PDB file of N, CA and C in Angstrom:
ATOM      1  N   MET A   1     -20.688   3.384   4.327  1.00  0.00           N
ATOM      2  CA  MET A   1     -19.491   2.552   4.403  1.00  0.00           C
ATOM      3  C   MET A   1     -19.501   1.521   3.273  1.00  0.00           C
ATOM      4  N   LYS A   2     -18.398   1.421   2.576  1.00  0.00           N
ATOM      5  CA  LYS A   2     -18.337   0.517   1.428  1.00  0.00           C
ATOM      6  C   LYS A   2     -18.327  -0.947   1.848  1.00  0.00           C
ATOM      7  N   LYS A   3     -18.802  -1.764   0.935  1.00  0.00           N
ATOM      8  CA  LYS A   3     -18.846  -3.204   1.185  1.00  0.00           C
ATOM      9  C   LYS A   3     -17.427  -3.752   1.314  1.00  0.00           C
ATOM     10  N   GLY A   4     -17.230  -4.633   2.267  1.00  0.00           N
ATOM     11  CA  GLY A   4     -15.914  -5.242   2.430  1.00  0.00           C
ATOM     12  C   GLY A   4     -15.033  -4.514   3.429  1.00  0.00           C
ATOM     13  N   PHE A   5     -15.551  -3.423   3.995  1.00  0.00           N
ATOM     14  CA  PHE A   5     -14.752  -2.650   4.942  1.00  0.00           C
ATOM     15  C   PHE A   5     -14.524  -3.453   6.217  1.00  0.00           C
ATOM     16  N   HIS A   6     -15.560  -4.167   6.655  1.00  0.00           N
ATOM     17  CA  HIS A   6     -15.440  -4.984   7.858  1.00  0.00           C
ATOM     18  C   HIS A   6     -14.620  -6.237   7.610  1.00  0.00           C
ATOM     19  N   THR A   7     -14.422  -6.573   6.331  1.00  0.00           N
ATOM     20  CA  THR A   7     -13.608  -7.730   5.975  1.00  0.00           C
ATOM     21  C   THR A   7     -12.143  -7.428   6.224  1.00  0.00           C
ATOM     22  N   LEU A   8     -11.853  -6.127   6.300  1.00  0.00           N
ATOM     23  CA  LEU A   8     -10.501  -5.622   6.492  1.00  0.00           C
ATOM     24  C   LEU A   8      -9.767  -6.340   7.622  1.00  0.00           C
ATOM     25  N   ALA A   9     -10.423  -6.438   8.768  1.00  0.00           N
ATOM     26  CA  ALA A   9      -9.791  -6.976   9.969  1.00  0.00           C
ATOM     27  C   ALA A   9      -9.540  -8.478   9.884  1.00  0.00           C
ATOM     28  N   LEU A  10     -10.251  -9.139   8.988  1.00  0.00           N
ATOM     29  CA  LEU A  10     -10.123 -10.584   8.895  1.00  0.00           C
ATOM     30  C   LEU A  10      -8.858 -11.021   8.177  1.00  0.00           C
ATOM     31  N   PHE A  11      -8.295 -10.102   7.402  1.00  0.00           N
ATOM     32  CA  PHE A  11      -7.138 -10.476   6.588  1.00  0.00           C
ATOM     33  C   PHE A  11      -5.951  -9.561   6.844  1.00  0.00           C
ATOM     34  N   ILE A  12      -5.497  -9.535   8.086  1.00  0.00           N
ATOM     35  CA  ILE A  12      -4.364  -8.667   8.397  1.00  0.00           C
ATOM     36  C   ILE A  12      -3.110  -9.489   8.692  1.00  0.00           C
ATOM     37  N   LEU A  13      -2.094  -9.258   7.891  1.00  0.00           N
ATOM     38  CA  LEU A  13      -0.811  -9.915   8.122  1.00  0.00           C
ATOM     39  C   LEU A  13       0.143  -8.869   8.658  1.00  0.00           C
ATOM     40  N   ILE A  14       0.767  -9.174   9.758  1.00  0.00           N
ATOM     41  CA  ILE A  14       1.628  -8.176  10.369  1.00  0.00           C
ATOM     42  C   ILE A  14       3.084  -8.615  10.373  1.00  0.00           C
ATOM     43  N   ARG A  15       3.913  -7.766   9.830  1.00  0.00           N
ATOM     44  CA  ARG A  15       5.345  -8.041   9.856  1.00  0.00           C
ATOM     45  C   ARG A  15       6.043  -6.892  10.561  1.00  0.00           C
ATOM     46  N   THR A  16       6.841  -7.217  11.539  1.00  0.00           N
ATOM     47  CA  THR A  16       7.561  -6.175  12.242  1.00  0.00           C
ATOM     48  C   THR A  16       9.048  -6.272  11.937  1.00  0.00           C
ATOM     49  N   THR A  17       9.587  -5.201  11.364  1.00  0.00           N
ATOM     50  CA  THR A  17      11.016  -5.186  11.069  1.00  0.00           C
ATOM     51  C   THR A  17      11.607  -3.885  11.570  1.00  0.00           C
ATOM     52  N   GLY A  18      12.563  -3.981  12.471  1.00  0.00           N
ATOM     53  CA  GLY A  18      13.199  -2.788  13.000  1.00  0.00           C
ATOM     54  C   GLY A  18      12.205  -1.918  13.736  1.00  0.00           C
ATOM     55  N   GLN A  19      12.101  -0.647  13.327  1.00  0.00           N
ATOM     56  CA  GLN A  19      11.202   0.275  14.010  1.00  0.00           C
ATOM     57  C   GLN A  19       9.928   0.503  13.212  1.00  0.00           C
ATOM     58  N   LYS A  20       9.784  -0.207  12.114  1.00  0.00           N
ATOM     59  CA  LYS A  20       8.590  -0.027  11.288  1.00  0.00           C
ATOM     60  C   LYS A  20       7.740  -1.288  11.292  1.00  0.00           C
ATOM     61  N   THR A  21       6.450  -1.092  11.249  1.00  0.00           N
ATOM     62  CA  THR A  21       5.549  -2.229  11.191  1.00  0.00           C
ATOM     63  C   THR A  21       4.840  -2.208   9.847  1.00  0.00           C
ATOM     64  N   THR A  22       4.984  -3.268   9.081  1.00  0.00           N
ATOM     65  CA  THR A  22       4.335  -3.328   7.780  1.00  0.00           C
ATOM     66  C   THR A  22       3.057  -4.145   7.889  1.00  0.00           C
ATOM     67  N   ILE A  23       1.950  -3.538   7.509  1.00  0.00           N
ATOM     68  CA  ILE A  23       0.683  -4.245   7.572  1.00  0.00           C
ATOM     69  C   ILE A  23       0.197  -4.531   6.159  1.00  0.00           C
ATOM     70  N   CYS A  24       0.073  -5.793   5.817  1.00  0.00           N
ATOM     71  CA  CYS A  24      -0.457  -6.161   4.510  1.00  0.00           C
ATOM     72  C   CYS A  24      -1.922  -6.525   4.697  1.00  0.00           C
ATOM     73  N   ILE A  25      -2.796  -5.720   4.138  1.00  0.00           N
ATOM     74  CA  ILE A  25      -4.218  -5.972   4.307  1.00  0.00           C
ATOM     75  C   ILE A  25      -4.815  -6.513   3.014  1.00  0.00           C
ATOM     76  N   LEU A  26      -5.358  -7.718   3.076  1.00  0.00           N
ATOM     77  CA  LEU A  26      -5.994  -8.315   1.909  1.00  0.00           C
ATOM     78  C   LEU A  26      -7.494  -8.084   2.017  1.00  0.00           C
ATOM     79  N   THR A  27      -8.050  -7.375   1.046  1.00  0.00           N
ATOM     80  CA  THR A  27      -9.468  -7.073   1.122  1.00  0.00           C
ATOM     81  C   THR A  27     -10.191  -7.513  -0.144  1.00  0.00           C
ATOM     82  N   PRO A  28     -10.565  -8.773  -0.239  1.00  0.00           N
ATOM     83  CA  PRO A  28     -11.315  -9.260  -1.395  1.00  0.00           C
ATOM     84  C   PRO A  28     -12.687  -8.607  -1.456  1.00  0.00           C
ATOM     85  N   GLY A  29     -13.074  -8.128  -2.611  1.00  0.00           N
ATOM     86  CA  GLY A  29     -14.376  -7.497  -2.757  1.00  0.00           C
ATOM     87  C   GLY A  29     -14.343  -6.020  -2.417  1.00  0.00           C
ATOM     88  N   TYR A  30     -13.212  -5.522  -1.986  1.00  0.00           N
ATOM     89  CA  TYR A  30     -13.115  -4.108  -1.626  1.00  0.00           C
ATOM     90  C   TYR A  30     -12.140  -3.388  -2.534  1.00  0.00           C
ATOM     91  N   ALA A  31     -11.022  -4.039  -2.801  1.00  0.00           N
ATOM     92  CA  ALA A  31     -10.000  -3.415  -3.629  1.00  0.00           C
ATOM     93  C   ALA A  31     -10.389  -3.510  -5.099  1.00  0.00           C
ATOM     94  N   GLN A  32     -10.041  -2.491  -5.856  1.00  0.00           N
ATOM     95  CA  GLN A  32     -10.356  -2.486  -7.276  1.00  0.00           C
ATOM     96  C   GLN A  32      -9.100  -2.682  -8.106  1.00  0.00           C
ATOM     97  N   LEU A  33      -8.051  -1.949  -7.780  1.00  0.00           N
ATOM     98  CA  LEU A  33      -6.805  -2.057  -8.531  1.00  0.00           C
ATOM     99  C   LEU A  33      -5.991  -3.251  -8.075  1.00  0.00           C
ATOM    100  N   SER A  34      -6.008  -3.496  -6.774  1.00  0.00           N
ATOM    101  CA  SER A  34      -5.226  -4.604  -6.224  1.00  0.00           C
ATOM    102  C   SER A  34      -5.850  -5.069  -4.919  1.00  0.00           C
ATOM    103  N   ASP A  35      -5.686  -6.353  -4.603  1.00  0.00           N
ATOM    104  CA  ASP A  35      -6.243  -6.884  -3.362  1.00  0.00           C
ATOM    105  C   ASP A  35      -5.355  -6.565  -2.180  1.00  0.00           C
ATOM    106  N   ILE A  36      -4.138  -6.123  -2.494  1.00  0.00           N
ATOM    107  CA  ILE A  36      -3.182  -5.934  -1.412  1.00  0.00           C
ATOM    108  C   ILE A  36      -2.868  -4.464  -1.155  1.00  0.00           C
ATOM    109  N   TYR A  37      -3.120  -4.019   0.038  1.00  0.00           N
ATOM    110  CA  TYR A  37      -2.758  -2.672   0.457  1.00  0.00           C
ATOM    111  C   TYR A  37      -1.643  -2.794   1.482  1.00  0.00           C
ATOM    112  N   ILE A  38      -0.569  -2.071   1.250  1.00  0.00           N
ATOM    113  CA  ILE A  38       0.529  -2.136   2.208  1.00  0.00           C
ATOM    114  C   ILE A  38       0.703  -0.784   2.882  1.00  0.00           C
ATOM    115  N   MET A  39       0.513  -0.776   4.181  1.00  0.00           N
ATOM    116  CA  MET A  39       0.657   0.463   4.930  1.00  0.00           C
ATOM    117  C   MET A  39       1.787   0.327   5.932  1.00  0.00           C
ATOM    118  N   ILE A  40       2.592   1.351   6.020  1.00  0.00           N
ATOM    119  CA  ILE A  40       3.695   1.313   6.969  1.00  0.00           C
ATOM    120  C   ILE A  40       3.466   2.343   8.074  1.00  0.00           C
ATOM    121  N   PHE A  41       3.403   1.863   9.291  1.00  0.00           N
ATOM    122  CA  PHE A  41       3.209   2.739  10.434  1.00  0.00           C
ATOM    123  C   PHE A  41       4.407   2.623  11.364  1.00  0.00           C
ATOM    124  N   THR A  42       4.639   3.649  12.123  1.00  0.00           N
ATOM    125  CA  THR A  42       5.583   3.483  13.221  1.00  0.00           C
ATOM    126  C   THR A  42       4.803   2.707  14.274  1.00  0.00           C
ATOM    127  N   ARG A  43       5.469   2.098  15.209  1.00  0.00           N
ATOM    128  CA  ARG A  43       4.777   1.257  16.176  1.00  0.00           C
ATOM    129  C   ARG A  43       3.742   2.036  16.977  1.00  0.00           C
ATOM    130  N   LYS A  44       4.062   3.266  17.313  1.00  0.00           N
ATOM    131  CA  LYS A  44       3.148   4.078  18.111  1.00  0.00           C
ATOM    132  C   LYS A  44       1.837   4.302  17.363  1.00  0.00           C
ATOM    133  N   ILE A  45       1.958   4.664  16.095  1.00  0.00           N
ATOM    134  CA  ILE A  45       0.778   4.907  15.271  1.00  0.00           C
ATOM    135  C   ILE A  45       0.025   3.602  15.019  1.00  0.00           C
ATOM    136  N   PHE A  46       0.786   2.512  14.842  1.00  0.00           N
ATOM    137  CA  PHE A  46       0.176   1.212  14.567  1.00  0.00           C
ATOM    138  C   PHE A  46      -0.695   0.748  15.723  1.00  0.00           C
ATOM    139  N   PHE A  47      -0.188   0.898  16.950  1.00  0.00           N
ATOM    140  CA  PHE A  47      -0.966   0.476  18.099  1.00  0.00           C
ATOM    141  C   PHE A  47      -2.214   1.337  18.251  1.00  0.00           C
ATOM    142  N   GLY A  48      -2.090   2.619  17.897  1.00  0.00           N
ATOM    143  CA  GLY A  48      -3.248   3.500  17.905  1.00  0.00           C
ATOM    144  C   GLY A  48      -4.274   3.031  16.884  1.00  0.00           C
ATOM    145  N   PHE A  49      -3.779   2.584  15.724  1.00  0.00           N
ATOM    146  CA  PHE A  49      -4.632   2.090  14.655  1.00  0.00           C
ATOM    147  C   PHE A  49      -5.310   0.792  15.071  1.00  0.00           C
ATOM    148  N   LEU A  50      -4.531  -0.060  15.755  1.00  0.00           N
ATOM    149  CA  LEU A  50      -5.041  -1.354  16.196  1.00  0.00           C
ATOM    150  C   LEU A  50      -6.171  -1.181  17.204  1.00  0.00           C
ATOM    151  N   VAL A  51      -5.994  -0.232  18.125  1.00  0.00           N
ATOM    152  CA  VAL A  51      -7.019   0.051  19.125  1.00  0.00           C
ATOM    153  C   VAL A  51      -8.276   0.588  18.455  1.00  0.00           C
ATOM    154  N   SER A  52      -8.102   1.498  17.497  1.00  0.00           N
ATOM    155  CA  SER A  52      -9.237   2.077  16.794  1.00  0.00           C
ATOM    156  C   SER A  52      -9.979   1.007  16.006  1.00  0.00           C
ATOM    157  N   LEU A  53      -9.219   0.097  15.383  1.00  0.00           N
ATOM    158  CA  LEU A  53      -9.813  -0.985  14.607  1.00  0.00           C
ATOM    159  C   LEU A  53     -10.613  -1.916  15.512  1.00  0.00           C
ATOM    160  N   GLU A  54     -10.065  -2.173  16.696  1.00  0.00           N
ATOM    161  CA  GLU A  54     -10.738  -3.047  17.656  1.00  0.00           C
ATOM    162  C   GLU A  54     -12.049  -2.423  18.122  1.00  0.00           C
ATOM    163  N   LYS A  55     -12.027  -1.112  18.376  1.00  0.00           N
ATOM    164  CA  LYS A  55     -13.241  -0.407  18.784  1.00  0.00           C
ATOM    165  C   LYS A  55     -14.272  -0.424  17.664  1.00  0.00           C
ATOM    166  N   MET A  56     -13.790  -0.282  16.419  1.00  0.00           N
ATOM    167  CA  MET A  56     -14.676  -0.283  15.264  1.00  0.00           C
ATOM    168  C   MET A  56     -15.349  -1.646  15.118  1.00  0.00           C
ATOM    169  N   LEU A  57     -14.606  -2.707  15.382  1.00  0.00           N
ATOM    170  CA  LEU A  57     -15.158  -4.060  15.269  1.00  0.00           C
ATOM    171  C   LEU A  57     -16.207  -4.325  16.336  1.00  0.00           C
ATOM    172  N   ASN A  58     -16.045  -3.718  17.503  1.00  0.00           N
ATOM    173  CA  ASN A  58     -17.029  -3.884  18.568  1.00  0.00           C
ATOM    174  C   ASN A  58     -18.358  -3.246  18.187  1.00  0.00           C
ATOM    175  N   ILE A  59     -18.277  -2.165  17.403  1.00  0.00           N
ATOM    176  CA  ILE A  59     -19.485  -1.490  16.933  1.00  0.00           C
ATOM    177  C   ILE A  59     -20.179  -2.353  15.881  1.00  0.00           C
ATOM    178  N   LEU A  60     -19.376  -2.963  15.013  1.00  0.00           N
ATOM    179  CA  LEU A  60     -19.922  -3.855  13.990  1.00  0.00           C
ATOM    180  C   LEU A  60     -20.303  -5.175  14.650  1.00  0.00           C
TER     181      LEU A  60
END
């Protein structure tokens, strides 16, 4: 696992507009081209992602 992967969860900005959820993840020390990754999920997928992220953090 690359360095800064666990930092992912510390810098999550969530914006909800309409039926799409935009997640701006700031990962200092992890990103090479840009510090900002923007992922767009539908709410169903986002909540699945959130649960998986929470489980991952419990392991860390």
